[in-house]
């Protein structure tokens, strides 16, 4: 059986945000066993699974990604949408546009300290659309 739903997240400021709860609220119930795939329909934001306990991790991710892909990099051509746009596309390619999580005994089978991240790489990205697909 396949369940699929498109949801729209609120606009988040630039940075890394734990959205596990928002995703779970959007799904009526999880099957006993299966797989949840989450796909983001944008090219300047991404999805990841990582530490959900210490908020310093969110800060450190933002710091590191801005160091490896800085704004105003000489030679970039795609700049018409602002200095944060092309770096946002590069960062989203680094983290990816989808994640898959096993479902076991009716729950997401995440590790103790794992959460689903929205990685917002634009200064003003706006609301983001996700496709949630459950395979059971």
C-alpha atoms as a PDB file:
ATOM      1  CA  UNK A   1       0.000   0.000   0.000  1.00  0.00           C
ATOM      2  CA  UNK A   2       1.191   3.529  -0.742  1.00  0.00           C
ATOM      3  CA  UNK A   3       0.106   6.729   1.016  1.00  0.00           C
ATOM      4  CA  UNK A   4       1.213  10.091  -0.343  1.00  0.00           C
ATOM      5  CA  UNK A   5       0.584  13.640   0.789  1.00  0.00           C
ATOM      6  CA  UNK A   6       2.000  17.037  -0.092  1.00  0.00           C
ATOM      7  CA  UNK A   7       2.433  19.431   2.815  1.00  0.00           C
ATOM      8  CA  UNK A   8       3.620  23.004   3.066  1.00  0.00           C
ATOM      9  CA  UNK A   9       5.872  24.043   5.911  1.00  0.00           C
ATOM     10  CA  UNK A  10       5.838  27.550   7.288  1.00  0.00           C
ATOM     11  CA  UNK A  11       8.608  29.844   6.131  1.00  0.00           C
ATOM     12  CA  UNK A  12      11.698  29.266   8.252  1.00  0.00           C
ATOM     13  CA  UNK A  13      14.637  31.639   8.570  1.00  0.00           C
ATOM     14  CA  UNK A  14      17.945  30.621   7.082  1.00  0.00           C
ATOM     15  CA  UNK A  15      19.515  27.759   9.013  1.00  0.00           C
ATOM     16  CA  UNK A  16      18.838  24.212  10.123  1.00  0.00           C
ATOM     17  CA  UNK A  17      15.483  23.348  11.687  1.00  0.00           C
ATOM     18  CA  UNK A  18      14.175  20.119  13.213  1.00  0.00           C
ATOM     19  CA  UNK A  19      10.845  19.318  11.541  1.00  0.00           C
ATOM     20  CA  UNK A  20      10.209  15.746  12.719  1.00  0.00           C
ATOM     21  CA  UNK A  21       7.117  16.766  14.696  1.00  0.00           C
ATOM     22  CA  UNK A  22       5.646  18.764  11.780  1.00  0.00           C
ATOM     23  CA  UNK A  23       5.986  15.736   9.520  1.00  0.00           C
ATOM     24  CA  UNK A  24       4.437  13.343  12.046  1.00  0.00           C
ATOM     25  CA  UNK A  25       1.507  15.731  12.590  1.00  0.00           C
ATOM     26  CA  UNK A  26       0.808  15.637   8.849  1.00  0.00           C
ATOM     27  CA  UNK A  27       0.456  11.856   8.676  1.00  0.00           C
ATOM     28  CA  UNK A  28      -2.762  10.275   9.982  1.00  0.00           C
ATOM     29  CA  UNK A  29      -0.976   7.168  11.295  1.00  0.00           C
ATOM     30  CA  UNK A  30       2.007   5.032  10.458  1.00  0.00           C
ATOM     31  CA  UNK A  31       1.701   1.395   9.384  1.00  0.00           C
ATOM     32  CA  UNK A  32       3.193  -1.360  11.517  1.00  0.00           C
ATOM     33  CA  UNK A  33       6.123  -1.661   9.098  1.00  0.00           C
ATOM     34  CA  UNK A  34       7.250   0.231   6.025  1.00  0.00           C
ATOM     35  CA  UNK A  35       9.270   3.157   4.794  1.00  0.00           C
ATOM     36  CA  UNK A  36       8.702   6.912   4.903  1.00  0.00           C
ATOM     37  CA  UNK A  37      10.241   8.939   2.094  1.00  0.00           C
ATOM     38  CA  UNK A  38      10.319  12.732   2.433  1.00  0.00           C
ATOM     39  CA  UNK A  39      11.114  14.813  -0.656  1.00  0.00           C
ATOM     40  CA  UNK A  40      11.508  18.602  -0.795  1.00  0.00           C
ATOM     41  CA  UNK A  41      10.276  20.341  -3.951  1.00  0.00           C
ATOM     42  CA  UNK A  42      12.897  23.090  -3.911  1.00  0.00           C
ATOM     43  CA  UNK A  43      16.460  23.579  -5.146  1.00  0.00           C
ATOM     44  CA  UNK A  44      17.694  25.975  -2.483  1.00  0.00           C
ATOM     45  CA  UNK A  45      16.777  23.955   0.610  1.00  0.00           C
ATOM     46  CA  UNK A  46      17.440  20.365   1.571  1.00  0.00           C
ATOM     47  CA  UNK A  47      16.670  17.581   4.028  1.00  0.00           C
ATOM     48  CA  UNK A  48      18.892  15.676   6.416  1.00  0.00           C
ATOM     49  CA  UNK A  49      18.766  13.446   9.471  1.00  0.00           C
ATOM     50  CA  UNK A  50      20.981  14.378  12.379  1.00  0.00           C
ATOM     51  CA  UNK A  51      21.336  15.329  16.067  1.00  0.00           C
ATOM     52  CA  UNK A  52      18.057  16.490  17.630  1.00  0.00           C
ATOM     53  CA  UNK A  53      19.077  17.025  21.262  1.00  0.00           C
ATOM     54  CA  UNK A  54      21.647  19.826  21.333  1.00  0.00           C
ATOM     55  CA  UNK A  55      20.633  23.090  19.585  1.00  0.00           C
ATOM     56  CA  UNK A  56      24.313  23.984  19.208  1.00  0.00           C
ATOM     57  CA  UNK A  57      24.467  21.411  16.415  1.00  0.00           C
ATOM     58  CA  UNK A  58      22.033  23.525  14.367  1.00  0.00           C
ATOM     59  CA  UNK A  59      24.251  26.579  14.833  1.00  0.00           C
ATOM     60  CA  UNK A  60      27.434  24.673  14.016  1.00  0.00           C
ATOM     61  CA  UNK A  61      25.956  23.282  10.797  1.00  0.00           C
ATOM     62  CA  UNK A  62      25.072  26.798   9.631  1.00  0.00           C
ATOM     63  CA  UNK A  63      28.567  28.021  10.501  1.00  0.00           C
ATOM     64  CA  UNK A  64      30.291  25.174   8.667  1.00  0.00           C
ATOM     65  CA  UNK A  65      28.138  25.292   5.523  1.00  0.00           C
ATOM     66  CA  UNK A  66      28.709  29.052   5.237  1.00  0.00           C
ATOM     67  CA  UNK A  67      32.463  28.490   5.422  1.00  0.00           C
ATOM     68  CA  UNK A  68      32.575  25.814   2.730  1.00  0.00           C
ATOM     69  CA  UNK A  69      30.100  27.601   0.412  1.00  0.00           C
ATOM     70  CA  UNK A  70      30.351  31.345   1.098  1.00  0.00           C
ATOM     71  CA  UNK A  71      28.196  34.056  -0.434  1.00  0.00           C
ATOM     72  CA  UNK A  72      29.704  36.545  -2.900  1.00  0.00           C
ATOM     73  CA  UNK A  73      32.144  33.961  -4.241  1.00  0.00           C
ATOM     74  CA  UNK A  74      34.086  35.327  -7.202  1.00  0.00           C
ATOM     75  CA  UNK A  75      33.162  33.747 -10.540  1.00  0.00           C
ATOM     76  CA  UNK A  76      29.556  32.777  -9.777  1.00  0.00           C
ATOM     77  CA  UNK A  77      27.269  33.615 -12.699  1.00  0.00           C
ATOM     78  CA  UNK A  78      23.847  32.739 -11.292  1.00  0.00           C
ATOM     79  CA  UNK A  79      23.462  35.826  -9.102  1.00  0.00           C
ATOM     80  CA  UNK A  80      20.276  37.503 -10.375  1.00  0.00           C
ATOM     81  CA  UNK A  81      18.254  36.237  -7.369  1.00  0.00           C
ATOM     82  CA  UNK A  82      20.770  37.513  -4.827  1.00  0.00           C
ATOM     83  CA  UNK A  83      24.113  36.564  -3.319  1.00  0.00           C
ATOM     84  CA  UNK A  84      22.587  33.731  -1.262  1.00  0.00           C
ATOM     85  CA  UNK A  85      20.898  31.954  -4.189  1.00  0.00           C
ATOM     86  CA  UNK A  86      23.689  30.065  -5.959  1.00  0.00           C
ATOM     87  CA  UNK A  87      25.358  29.099  -2.671  1.00  0.00           C
ATOM     88  CA  UNK A  88      21.925  27.786  -1.588  1.00  0.00           C
ATOM     89  CA  UNK A  89      21.725  25.567  -4.694  1.00  0.00           C
ATOM     90  CA  UNK A  90      25.199  24.168  -4.002  1.00  0.00           C
ATOM     91  CA  UNK A  91      24.423  23.523  -0.328  1.00  0.00           C
ATOM     92  CA  UNK A  92      21.141  21.791  -1.176  1.00  0.00           C
ATOM     93  CA  UNK A  93      23.028  19.503  -3.566  1.00  0.00           C
ATOM     94  CA  UNK A  94      25.436  18.617  -0.762  1.00  0.00           C
ATOM     95  CA  UNK A  95      22.696  17.563   1.681  1.00  0.00           C
ATOM     96  CA  UNK A  96      20.170  16.236  -0.831  1.00  0.00           C
ATOM     97  CA  UNK A  97      16.477  16.582  -1.532  1.00  0.00           C
ATOM     98  CA  UNK A  98      15.082  13.427   0.068  1.00  0.00           C
ATOM     99  CA  UNK A  99      15.436  11.112   3.020  1.00  0.00           C
ATOM    100  CA  UNK A 100      14.032   7.665   3.798  1.00  0.00           C
ATOM    101  CA  UNK A 101      13.278   6.346   7.275  1.00  0.00           C
ATOM    102  CA  UNK A 102      12.197   2.806   8.205  1.00  0.00           C
ATOM    103  CA  UNK A 103       8.889   2.398  10.007  1.00  0.00           C
ATOM    104  CA  UNK A 104       8.916  -0.281  12.701  1.00  0.00           C
ATOM    105  CA  UNK A 105       6.057  -1.140  15.078  1.00  0.00           C
ATOM    106  CA  UNK A 106       4.119   1.921  13.920  1.00  0.00           C
ATOM    107  CA  UNK A 107       6.916   4.424  14.629  1.00  0.00           C
ATOM    108  CA  UNK A 108       9.713   6.071  12.709  1.00  0.00           C
ATOM    109  CA  UNK A 109      12.759   3.949  13.456  1.00  0.00           C
ATOM    110  CA  UNK A 110      15.107   6.853  14.133  1.00  0.00           C
ATOM    111  CA  UNK A 111      18.050   6.630  16.496  1.00  0.00           C
ATOM    112  CA  UNK A 112      17.769   8.057  20.002  1.00  0.00           C
ATOM    113  CA  UNK A 113      19.237  11.437  19.035  1.00  0.00           C
ATOM    114  CA  UNK A 114      18.074  11.648  15.415  1.00  0.00           C
ATOM    115  CA  UNK A 115      15.634  14.147  13.960  1.00  0.00           C
ATOM    116  CA  UNK A 116      14.590  15.287  10.493  1.00  0.00           C
ATOM    117  CA  UNK A 117      16.150  18.594   9.462  1.00  0.00           C
ATOM    118  CA  UNK A 118      14.899  21.207   7.054  1.00  0.00           C
ATOM    119  CA  UNK A 119      18.074  22.843   5.789  1.00  0.00           C
ATOM    120  CA  UNK A 120      17.027  26.337   4.706  1.00  0.00           C
ATOM    121  CA  UNK A 121      19.813  27.915   2.706  1.00  0.00           C
ATOM    122  CA  UNK A 122      18.085  31.107   1.531  1.00  0.00           C
ATOM    123  CA  UNK A 123      17.852  34.274   3.610  1.00  0.00           C
ATOM    124  CA  UNK A 124      14.132  34.415   2.763  1.00  0.00           C
ATOM    125  CA  UNK A 125      13.210  31.064   1.288  1.00  0.00           C
ATOM    126  CA  UNK A 126       9.493  31.223   2.003  1.00  0.00           C
ATOM    127  CA  UNK A 127       7.183  28.278   2.650  1.00  0.00           C
ATOM    128  CA  UNK A 128       8.595  24.920   1.545  1.00  0.00           C
ATOM    129  CA  UNK A 129       6.617  22.038   0.035  1.00  0.00           C
ATOM    130  CA  UNK A 130       7.352  18.436   0.973  1.00  0.00           C
ATOM    131  CA  UNK A 131       6.040  15.199  -0.478  1.00  0.00           C
ATOM    132  CA  UNK A 132       5.538  12.508   2.168  1.00  0.00           C
ATOM    133  CA  UNK A 133       5.260   8.954   0.829  1.00  0.00           C
ATOM    134  CA  UNK A 134       4.706   5.906   2.976  1.00  0.00           C
ATOM    135  CA  UNK A 135       5.339   2.460   1.515  1.00  0.00           C
ATOM    136  CA  UNK A 136       3.928  -0.426   3.530  1.00  0.00           C
END
